[in-house]
Amino acid sequence: MKAKEPTLVVTFSNTPDAIAMEKFCQANQLPGRLSPIPSVLQAGCGLAWRAPADQEAHFAQVMAEGQVRYAAMQIVEL
């Protein structure tokens, strides 16, 4: 069984915002991946961006500067 570890999870209200996040992260070489939302969370579109938990402050800053729309950003044990 894989040990759970803290993961930054960004959720979205709709699929276009999730796809925009994926493109934004690829263009800015930000770590992570688009995936189905973890069962412990709920979001409008069912997609989430997962990234290392230690990147939370950096993601918050870069996403604000890039005006990336998202529903919530939180650390979850996954």
PDB file of N, CA and C in Angstrom:
ATOM      1  N   MET A   1       0.848  -1.180   0.000  1.00  0.00           N
ATOM      2  CA  MET A   1       0.000   0.000   0.000  1.00  0.00           C
ATOM      3  C   MET A   1       0.893   1.242   0.000  1.00  0.00           C
ATOM      4  N   LYS A   2       0.602   2.136  -0.888  1.00  0.00           N
ATOM      5  CA  LYS A   2       1.378   3.368  -1.006  1.00  0.00           C
ATOM      6  C   LYS A   2       1.040   4.312   0.147  1.00  0.00           C
ATOM      7  N   ALA A   3       2.070   4.875   0.751  1.00  0.00           N
ATOM      8  CA  ALA A   3       1.865   5.830   1.837  1.00  0.00           C
ATOM      9  C   ALA A   3       1.268   7.125   1.298  1.00  0.00           C
ATOM     10  N   LYS A   4       0.325   7.683   2.048  1.00  0.00           N
ATOM     11  CA  LYS A   4      -0.278   8.954   1.640  1.00  0.00           C
ATOM     12  C   LYS A   4       0.704  10.081   1.894  1.00  0.00           C
ATOM     13  N   GLU A   5       0.657  11.065   1.020  1.00  0.00           N
ATOM     14  CA  GLU A   5       1.528  12.228   1.195  1.00  0.00           C
ATOM     15  C   GLU A   5       0.745  13.491   0.880  1.00  0.00           C
ATOM     16  N   PRO A   6       1.140  14.619   1.467  1.00  0.00           N
ATOM     17  CA  PRO A   6       0.447  15.878   1.194  1.00  0.00           C
ATOM     18  C   PRO A   6       0.588  16.256  -0.286  1.00  0.00           C
ATOM     19  N   THR A   7      -0.529  16.650  -0.881  1.00  0.00           N
ATOM     20  CA  THR A   7      -0.560  17.027  -2.286  1.00  0.00           C
ATOM     21  C   THR A   7      -1.368  18.308  -2.439  1.00  0.00           C
ATOM     22  N   LEU A   8      -0.868  19.232  -3.224  1.00  0.00           N
ATOM     23  CA  LEU A   8      -1.614  20.439  -3.547  1.00  0.00           C
ATOM     24  C   LEU A   8      -2.656  20.072  -4.588  1.00  0.00           C
ATOM     25  N   VAL A   9      -3.913  20.385  -4.301  1.00  0.00           N
ATOM     26  CA  VAL A   9      -5.007  20.092  -5.227  1.00  0.00           C
ATOM     27  C   VAL A   9      -5.732  21.393  -5.542  1.00  0.00           C
ATOM     28  N   VAL A  10      -5.803  21.714  -6.825  1.00  0.00           N
ATOM     29  CA  VAL A  10      -6.511  22.906  -7.299  1.00  0.00           C
ATOM     30  C   VAL A  10      -7.756  22.421  -8.033  1.00  0.00           C
ATOM     31  N   THR A  11      -8.936  22.882  -7.618  1.00  0.00           N
ATOM     32  CA  THR A  11     -10.183  22.475  -8.255  1.00  0.00           C
ATOM     33  C   THR A  11     -10.751  23.619  -9.098  1.00  0.00           C
ATOM     34  N   PHE A  12     -11.675  23.263  -9.985  1.00  0.00           N
ATOM     35  CA  PHE A  12     -12.214  24.217 -10.954  1.00  0.00           C
ATOM     36  C   PHE A  12     -13.729  24.113 -11.035  1.00  0.00           C
ATOM     37  N   SER A  13     -14.362  25.210 -11.387  1.00  0.00           N
ATOM     38  CA  SER A  13     -15.814  25.248 -11.539  1.00  0.00           C
ATOM     39  C   SER A  13     -16.271  24.650 -12.857  1.00  0.00           C
ATOM     40  N   ASN A  14     -15.379  24.688 -13.857  1.00  0.00           N
ATOM     41  CA  ASN A  14     -15.762  24.164 -15.171  1.00  0.00           C
ATOM     42  C   ASN A  14     -14.534  23.614 -15.895  1.00  0.00           C
ATOM     43  N   THR A  15     -14.796  22.800 -16.896  1.00  0.00           N
ATOM     44  CA  THR A  15     -13.726  22.143 -17.643  1.00  0.00           C
ATOM     45  C   THR A  15     -12.825  23.118 -18.393  1.00  0.00           C
ATOM     46  N   PRO A  16     -13.352  24.171 -19.047  1.00  0.00           N
ATOM     47  CA  PRO A  16     -12.448  25.111 -19.733  1.00  0.00           C
ATOM     48  C   PRO A  16     -11.404  25.727 -18.798  1.00  0.00           C
ATOM     49  N   ASP A  17     -11.774  26.010 -17.543  1.00  0.00           N
ATOM     50  CA  ASP A  17     -10.799  26.549 -16.587  1.00  0.00           C
ATOM     51  C   ASP A  17      -9.723  25.511 -16.265  1.00  0.00           C
ATOM     52  N   ALA A  18     -10.118  24.249 -16.157  1.00  0.00           N
ATOM     53  CA  ALA A  18      -9.150  23.183 -15.882  1.00  0.00           C
ATOM     54  C   ALA A  18      -8.171  23.023 -17.043  1.00  0.00           C
ATOM     55  N   ILE A  19      -8.675  23.066 -18.260  1.00  0.00           N
ATOM     56  CA  ILE A  19      -7.825  22.945 -19.452  1.00  0.00           C
ATOM     57  C   ILE A  19      -6.906  24.165 -19.558  1.00  0.00           C
ATOM     58  N   ALA A  20      -7.418  25.335 -19.230  1.00  0.00           N
ATOM     59  CA  ALA A  20      -6.596  26.556 -19.249  1.00  0.00           C
ATOM     60  C   ALA A  20      -5.461  26.439 -18.228  1.00  0.00           C
ATOM     61  N   MET A  21      -5.748  25.844 -17.069  1.00  0.00           N
ATOM     62  CA  MET A  21      -4.714  25.638 -16.058  1.00  0.00           C
ATOM     63  C   MET A  21      -3.625  24.706 -16.589  1.00  0.00           C
ATOM     64  N   GLU A  22      -4.030  23.638 -17.245  1.00  0.00           N
ATOM     65  CA  GLU A  22      -3.051  22.699 -17.803  1.00  0.00           C
ATOM     66  C   GLU A  22      -2.140  23.403 -18.810  1.00  0.00           C
ATOM     67  N   LYS A  23      -2.715  24.186 -19.688  1.00  0.00           N
ATOM     68  CA  LYS A  23      -1.921  24.914 -20.686  1.00  0.00           C
ATOM     69  C   LYS A  23      -1.010  25.940 -20.011  1.00  0.00           C
ATOM     70  N   PHE A  24      -1.551  26.631 -18.999  1.00  0.00           N
ATOM     71  CA  PHE A  24      -0.773  27.633 -18.268  1.00  0.00           C
ATOM     72  C   PHE A  24       0.432  26.986 -17.587  1.00  0.00           C
ATOM     73  N   CYS A  25       0.213  25.867 -16.930  1.00  0.00           N
ATOM     74  CA  CYS A  25       1.302  25.186 -16.220  1.00  0.00           C
ATOM     75  C   CYS A  25       2.351  24.657 -17.194  1.00  0.00           C
ATOM     76  N   GLN A  26       1.921  24.118 -18.316  1.00  0.00           N
ATOM     77  CA  GLN A  26       2.873  23.638 -19.314  1.00  0.00           C
ATOM     78  C   GLN A  26       3.698  24.798 -19.858  1.00  0.00           C
ATOM     79  N   ALA A  27       3.063  25.909 -20.167  1.00  0.00           N
ATOM     80  CA  ALA A  27       3.755  27.069 -20.724  1.00  0.00           C
ATOM     81  C   ALA A  27       4.741  27.683 -19.730  1.00  0.00           C
ATOM     82  N   ASN A  28       4.416  27.567 -18.439  1.00  0.00           N
ATOM     83  CA  ASN A  28       5.260  28.162 -17.402  1.00  0.00           C
ATOM     84  C   ASN A  28       6.115  27.124 -16.666  1.00  0.00           C
ATOM     85  N   GLN A  29       6.156  25.927 -17.191  1.00  0.00           N
ATOM     86  CA  GLN A  29       6.954  24.826 -16.643  1.00  0.00           C
ATOM     87  C   GLN A  29       6.693  24.603 -15.154  1.00  0.00           C
ATOM     88  N   LEU A  30       5.411  24.612 -14.784  1.00  0.00           N
ATOM     89  CA  LEU A  30       5.013  24.348 -13.405  1.00  0.00           C
ATOM     90  C   LEU A  30       4.748  22.856 -13.242  1.00  0.00           C
ATOM     91  N   PRO A  31       5.138  22.279 -12.105  1.00  0.00           N
ATOM     92  CA  PRO A  31       4.952  20.844 -11.911  1.00  0.00           C
ATOM     93  C   PRO A  31       3.500  20.474 -11.677  1.00  0.00           C
ATOM     94  N   GLY A  32       3.181  19.233 -11.953  1.00  0.00           N
ATOM     95  CA  GLY A  32       1.855  18.720 -11.664  1.00  0.00           C
ATOM     96  C   GLY A  32       1.197  18.100 -12.879  1.00  0.00           C
ATOM     97  N   ARG A  33      -0.079  17.745 -12.671  1.00  0.00           N
ATOM     98  CA  ARG A  33      -0.840  17.121 -13.749  1.00  0.00           C
ATOM     99  C   ARG A  33      -2.333  17.300 -13.504  1.00  0.00           C
ATOM    100  N   LEU A  34      -3.082  17.264 -14.586  1.00  0.00           N
ATOM    101  CA  LEU A  34      -4.532  17.311 -14.519  1.00  0.00           C
ATOM    102  C   LEU A  34      -5.022  15.886 -14.275  1.00  0.00           C
ATOM    103  N   SER A  35      -5.983  15.728 -13.361  1.00  0.00           N
ATOM    104  CA  SER A  35      -6.485  14.395 -13.033  1.00  0.00           C
ATOM    105  C   SER A  35      -7.924  14.500 -12.543  1.00  0.00           C
ATOM    106  N   PRO A  36      -8.602  13.358 -12.427  1.00  0.00           N
ATOM    107  CA  PRO A  36      -9.940  13.398 -11.818  1.00  0.00           C
ATOM    108  C   PRO A  36      -9.828  13.914 -10.385  1.00  0.00           C
ATOM    109  N   ILE A  37     -10.847  14.601  -9.956  1.00  0.00           N
ATOM    110  CA  ILE A  37     -10.820  15.166  -8.607  1.00  0.00           C
ATOM    111  C   ILE A  37     -10.802  14.032  -7.576  1.00  0.00           C
ATOM    112  N   PRO A  38     -10.007  14.157  -6.522  1.00  0.00           N
ATOM    113  CA  PRO A  38      -9.987  13.124  -5.482  1.00  0.00           C
ATOM    114  C   PRO A  38     -11.364  12.975  -4.845  1.00  0.00           C
ATOM    115  N   SER A  39     -11.705  11.777  -4.432  1.00  0.00           N
ATOM    116  CA  SER A  39     -13.035  11.517  -3.878  1.00  0.00           C
ATOM    117  C   SER A  39     -13.311  12.279  -2.579  1.00  0.00           C
ATOM    118  N   VAL A  40     -12.269  12.751  -1.915  1.00  0.00           N
ATOM    119  CA  VAL A  40     -12.460  13.500  -0.670  1.00  0.00           C
ATOM    120  C   VAL A  40     -12.890  14.942  -0.921  1.00  0.00           C
ATOM    121  N   LEU A  41     -12.876  15.380  -2.171  1.00  0.00           N
ATOM    122  CA  LEU A  41     -13.243  16.754  -2.540  1.00  0.00           C
ATOM    123  C   LEU A  41     -14.406  16.750  -3.523  1.00  0.00           C
ATOM    124  N   GLN A  42     -14.987  17.921  -3.716  1.00  0.00           N
ATOM    125  CA  GLN A  42     -16.025  18.101  -4.718  1.00  0.00           C
ATOM    126  C   GLN A  42     -15.742  19.376  -5.489  1.00  0.00           C
ATOM    127  N   ALA A  43     -16.005  19.334  -6.793  1.00  0.00           N
ATOM    128  CA  ALA A  43     -15.852  20.523  -7.633  1.00  0.00           C
ATOM    129  C   ALA A  43     -16.817  20.413  -8.788  1.00  0.00           C
ATOM    130  N   GLY A  44     -17.081  21.534  -9.418  1.00  0.00           N
ATOM    131  CA  GLY A  44     -18.055  21.590 -10.487  1.00  0.00           C
ATOM    132  C   GLY A  44     -17.758  20.709 -11.688  1.00  0.00           C
ATOM    133  N   CYS A  45     -16.500  20.623 -12.096  1.00  0.00           N
ATOM    134  CA  CYS A  45     -16.219  19.928 -13.351  1.00  0.00           C
ATOM    135  C   CYS A  45     -15.636  18.532 -13.173  1.00  0.00           C
ATOM    136  N   GLY A  46     -15.220  18.162 -11.984  1.00  0.00           N
ATOM    137  CA  GLY A  46     -14.680  16.826 -11.769  1.00  0.00           C
ATOM    138  C   GLY A  46     -13.196  16.687 -12.082  1.00  0.00           C
ATOM    139  N   LEU A  47     -12.535  17.792 -12.455  1.00  0.00           N
ATOM    140  CA  LEU A  47     -11.100  17.762 -12.740  1.00  0.00           C
ATOM    141  C   LEU A  47     -10.351  18.591 -11.710  1.00  0.00           C
ATOM    142  N   ALA A  48      -9.102  18.208 -11.459  1.00  0.00           N
ATOM    143  CA  ALA A  48      -8.262  18.933 -10.508  1.00  0.00           C
ATOM    144  C   ALA A  48      -6.824  18.927 -11.002  1.00  0.00           C
ATOM    145  N   TRP A  49      -6.057  19.911 -10.585  1.00  0.00           N
ATOM    146  CA  TRP A  49      -4.620  19.952 -10.859  1.00  0.00           C
ATOM    147  C   TRP A  49      -3.926  19.497  -9.584  1.00  0.00           C
ATOM    148  N   ARG A  50      -3.057  18.506  -9.719  1.00  0.00           N
ATOM    149  CA  ARG A  50      -2.290  18.006  -8.569  1.00  0.00           C
ATOM    150  C   ARG A  50      -0.840  18.409  -8.730  1.00  0.00           C
ATOM    151  N   ALA A  51      -0.244  18.880  -7.639  1.00  0.00           N
ATOM    152  CA  ALA A  51       1.147  19.327  -7.649  1.00  0.00           C
ATOM    153  C   ALA A  51       1.749  19.062  -6.268  1.00  0.00           C
ATOM    154  N   PRO A  52       3.068  19.140  -6.159  1.00  0.00           N
ATOM    155  CA  PRO A  52       3.700  18.949  -4.848  1.00  0.00           C
ATOM    156  C   PRO A  52       3.193  19.982  -3.833  1.00  0.00           C
ATOM    157  N   ALA A  53       2.949  19.533  -2.623  1.00  0.00           N
ATOM    158  CA  ALA A  53       2.403  20.399  -1.576  1.00  0.00           C
ATOM    159  C   ALA A  53       3.303  21.583  -1.264  1.00  0.00           C
ATOM    160  N   ASP A  54       4.601  21.400  -1.398  1.00  0.00           N
ATOM    161  CA  ASP A  54       5.523  22.487  -1.079  1.00  0.00           C
ATOM    162  C   ASP A  54       5.502  23.619  -2.100  1.00  0.00           C
ATOM    163  N   GLN A  55       4.720  23.465  -3.153  1.00  0.00           N
ATOM    164  CA  GLN A  55       4.615  24.480  -4.200  1.00  0.00           C
ATOM    165  C   GLN A  55       3.408  25.405  -4.019  1.00  0.00           C
ATOM    166  N   GLU A  56       2.673  25.257  -2.917  1.00  0.00           N
ATOM    167  CA  GLU A  56       1.422  26.010  -2.732  1.00  0.00           C
ATOM    168  C   GLU A  56       1.612  27.522  -2.852  1.00  0.00           C
ATOM    169  N   ALA A  57       2.562  28.089  -2.147  1.00  0.00           N
ATOM    170  CA  ALA A  57       2.768  29.544  -2.185  1.00  0.00           C
ATOM    171  C   ALA A  57       3.168  30.000  -3.583  1.00  0.00           C
ATOM    172  N   HIS A  58       4.027  29.245  -4.223  1.00  0.00           N
ATOM    173  CA  HIS A  58       4.460  29.594  -5.584  1.00  0.00           C
ATOM    174  C   HIS A  58       3.275  29.544  -6.554  1.00  0.00           C
ATOM    175  N   PHE A  59       2.467  28.483  -6.474  1.00  0.00           N
ATOM    176  CA  PHE A  59       1.301  28.369  -7.348  1.00  0.00           C
ATOM    177  C   PHE A  59       0.341  29.522  -7.111  1.00  0.00           C
ATOM    178  N   ALA A  60       0.076  29.862  -5.854  1.00  0.00           N
ATOM    179  CA  ALA A  60      -0.844  30.954  -5.542  1.00  0.00           C
ATOM    180  C   ALA A  60      -0.367  32.252  -6.179  1.00  0.00           C
ATOM    181  N   GLN A  61       0.913  32.522  -6.080  1.00  0.00           N
ATOM    182  CA  GLN A  61       1.462  33.760  -6.646  1.00  0.00           C
ATOM    183  C   GLN A  61       1.395  33.752  -8.169  1.00  0.00           C
ATOM    184  N   VAL A  62       1.868  32.691  -8.785  1.00  0.00           N
ATOM    185  CA  VAL A  62       1.925  32.620 -10.249  1.00  0.00           C
ATOM    186  C   VAL A  62       0.515  32.599 -10.859  1.00  0.00           C
ATOM    187  N   MET A  63      -0.401  31.887 -10.217  1.00  0.00           N
ATOM    188  CA  MET A  63      -1.766  31.839 -10.739  1.00  0.00           C
ATOM    189  C   MET A  63      -2.444  33.203 -10.615  1.00  0.00           C
ATOM    190  N   ALA A  64      -2.182  33.928  -9.542  1.00  0.00           N
ATOM    191  CA  ALA A  64      -2.744  35.271  -9.390  1.00  0.00           C
ATOM    192  C   ALA A  64      -2.195  36.199 -10.475  1.00  0.00           C
ATOM    193  N   GLU A  65      -0.890  36.137 -10.691  1.00  0.00           N
ATOM    194  CA  GLU A  65      -0.273  36.973 -11.728  1.00  0.00           C
ATOM    195  C   GLU A  65      -0.794  36.620 -13.121  1.00  0.00           C
ATOM    196  N   GLY A  66      -1.043  35.330 -13.359  1.00  0.00           N
ATOM    197  CA  GLY A  66      -1.533  34.879 -14.671  1.00  0.00           C
ATOM    198  C   GLY A  66      -3.040  34.923 -14.796  1.00  0.00           C
ATOM    199  N   GLN A  67      -3.722  35.369 -13.734  1.00  0.00           N
ATOM    200  CA  GLN A  67      -5.180  35.469 -13.697  1.00  0.00           C
ATOM    201  C   GLN A  67      -5.856  34.148 -14.055  1.00  0.00           C
ATOM    202  N   VAL A  68      -5.323  33.061 -13.506  1.00  0.00           N
ATOM    203  CA  VAL A  68      -5.897  31.730 -13.706  1.00  0.00           C
ATOM    204  C   VAL A  68      -7.096  31.583 -12.779  1.00  0.00           C
ATOM    205  N   ARG A  69      -8.221  31.160 -13.341  1.00  0.00           N
ATOM    206  CA  ARG A  69      -9.438  30.999 -12.546  1.00  0.00           C
ATOM    207  C   ARG A  69      -9.503  29.578 -11.985  1.00  0.00           C
ATOM    208  N   TYR A  70      -9.845  29.492 -10.699  1.00  0.00           N
ATOM    209  CA  TYR A  70      -9.998  28.195 -10.046  1.00  0.00           C
ATOM    210  C   TYR A  70     -11.022  28.323  -8.932  1.00  0.00           C
ATOM    211  N   ALA A  71     -11.547  27.184  -8.476  1.00  0.00           N
ATOM    212  CA  ALA A  71     -12.562  27.199  -7.425  1.00  0.00           C
ATOM    213  C   ALA A  71     -11.913  27.197  -6.044  1.00  0.00           C
ATOM    214  N   ALA A  72     -10.938  26.288  -5.829  1.00  0.00           N
ATOM    215  CA  ALA A  72     -10.284  26.175  -4.532  1.00  0.00           C
ATOM    216  C   ALA A  72      -8.888  25.596  -4.690  1.00  0.00           C
ATOM    217  N   MET A  73      -8.044  25.886  -3.701  1.00  0.00           N
ATOM    218  CA  MET A  73      -6.687  25.347  -3.667  1.00  0.00           C
ATOM    219  C   MET A  73      -6.453  24.884  -2.238  1.00  0.00           C
ATOM    220  N   GLN A  74      -6.086  23.599  -2.096  1.00  0.00           N
ATOM    221  CA  GLN A  74      -5.857  23.078  -0.752  1.00  0.00           C
ATOM    222  C   GLN A  74      -4.875  21.918  -0.752  1.00  0.00           C
ATOM    223  N   ILE A  75      -4.335  21.634   0.428  1.00  0.00           N
ATOM    224  CA  ILE A  75      -3.447  20.508   0.617  1.00  0.00           C
ATOM    225  C   ILE A  75      -4.281  19.328   1.114  1.00  0.00           C
ATOM    226  N   VAL A  76      -4.135  18.184   0.449  1.00  0.00           N
ATOM    227  CA  VAL A  76      -4.894  16.987   0.787  1.00  0.00           C
ATOM    228  C   VAL A  76      -3.930  15.812   0.892  1.00  0.00           C
ATOM    229  N   GLU A  77      -4.150  14.918   1.833  1.00  0.00           N
ATOM    230  CA  GLU A  77      -3.345  13.704   1.949  1.00  0.00           C
ATOM    231  C   GLU A  77      -3.849  12.700   0.918  1.00  0.00           C
ATOM    232  N   LEU A  78      -3.031  12.416  -0.085  1.00  0.00           N
ATOM    233  CA  LEU A  78      -3.405  11.469  -1.149  1.00  0.00           C
ATOM    234  C   LEU A  78      -2.347  10.402  -1.294  1.00  0.00           C
TER     235      LEU A  78
END
